[in-house]
Amino acid sequence: MLPASGPPTVLPVAHPVTGHPHVDVPVLLLAVLSFCLVLAVGLGMPRGATKGSMPPPASWEGSLSAPQKAVRAVSVGVLLLCLAAARLGTASELDNLAPALVLGVAWPLLFLGALLLGSSWRWLDPWDAGARVLVPGDRSRPEDDVRPAVALALPVLWYVAVHPTPLDPRDLGVALAAYVTVAVAGSLALGRRRWLSTADPVGVVLTWVGRARPAWAASSATPPGSAAPLGVRAPTGLGALYGVFAGALLFGAYRRSETWTGLVDVTDAVVATAAMLAFAALGAAVVTLLARVSGLLAPRRQRVDTVDPAAVVVLAFGPVIVGVVVAVALARNRFFNAVQLLPGLVGDPLGLGWDLLGDSLAGLDPAPLGAAGLLATQLVVLLATHLWGAVLAGRLLPRAARLPAVLLLAQSSAATLAVISAH
């Protein structure tokens, strides 16, 4: 055996469970710290008033202002442009506008905008904009049950989390066209308000995520024109829908980790689909179960008069969906690369070589934050959104009913942080 010619090589600890090559502390320690922080904030938050300002109406409710109509017209135009680019433009995902705009930029920003602005989806909703034209004088009524959206969310989440080539322009074009077709057909068959309030998974999630703040959540069930809020309520099935979103999207991140690729053939779509369904079912079961436990622990008067504790648990989990969507979108610098590509792609949306605004690849920095900076950004987003939910639960729930909600958020923060760090 030849003697070593220099100091021994130190291999970085990169096991997805115990550490990450760009984090100076073990992932387990980070998970424990986030668990404790979310738990402390949620349990220590003083309870506030349960009545507040009215939340913005859902996208399918009421009439639209002139500015809202104008913004929606632009939204529909952008959707049609993306459909045309995906189906008629170049097959290269780097030279086609649709992948960068739809999945790279719009997908995470829609969720983030809904959480931060509240009413953004009412301004942008292209499905409702088209349905208002196709179904004038709609007489259907919104329903307080979103369980149909749970089933329809699964193919959408499968495409995002499991489909091997979600950024392929042709595949994306088919997915967009299918979603538009289902939305239009459902609105024609059941009525615009009824369909969009119960069966549009993306629209339902964005609408209720926008109400994840104490003042609006406390009056989320107040009928239009009513003088007094009825209290905190959430539609039937919203907890299951949130759990399905979180579980499936988190599996999409886990599927790209060393743990998953070391266990199964990454090209096995059947195994990946089964695993995604298991993650989604687990998420739905956990959120629904803890929501019911919170309702049982609350004082009877609290359940009847002002706040439905089960609804608060569900609403408090809404920001978590946003955190997972944004953190997964940031992975592998997909969001930042898409933002850098957009100016050039807008000048040549079909990838035909026009270059009206310059070459989309010119000056592209594939890792603007560096590996460590990117991971830190993901973890900050996850922690911030979990703390948002903990504050909401603490402000609206008495301490007797708060523990299930806070435990849900604390466990979710530890799990999501560990999965994202496994990259």
Foldseek 3Di string as FASTA:
>chain_A
DDDDPDDDDDDADQFLQFPHNLDPHTLLVVLVVLLVVLLCLLLVFAAADLAADAADDALQDDDDDPQLLVLQVVLLVVLVLLLCLLAPFDQDLLQALNLLPPQQAPQLVLLVCCQPVLCVCSSHVNLSSVLCVVPPPWPDAADLAQQLQQVVVLVVLCLVQQNPCSSGSNNVSVVSVVLSVVSNVQCVVRNNRHCQRHHNLVSVLSNLSSQLDSNHQQQVPPDPPDPGRQAHDHGHPLQLSLQLLLQSLLLSLLLPFPVNVVPDPSPPSVVSSVNSVVSSRVRSVLLQVLLVVLQVQADPCCCRGHYRSSSLLSSLSSLLSSLSSVLSSPPQPSNVLSVQQNQQCVQPNRSPPRSPPHHSPPPGDSCPLPPNRSLVVSLVSNSVSLSSSSNSLSHHGDSRSSVSSSSVSSNSSSVSNSSSSSD
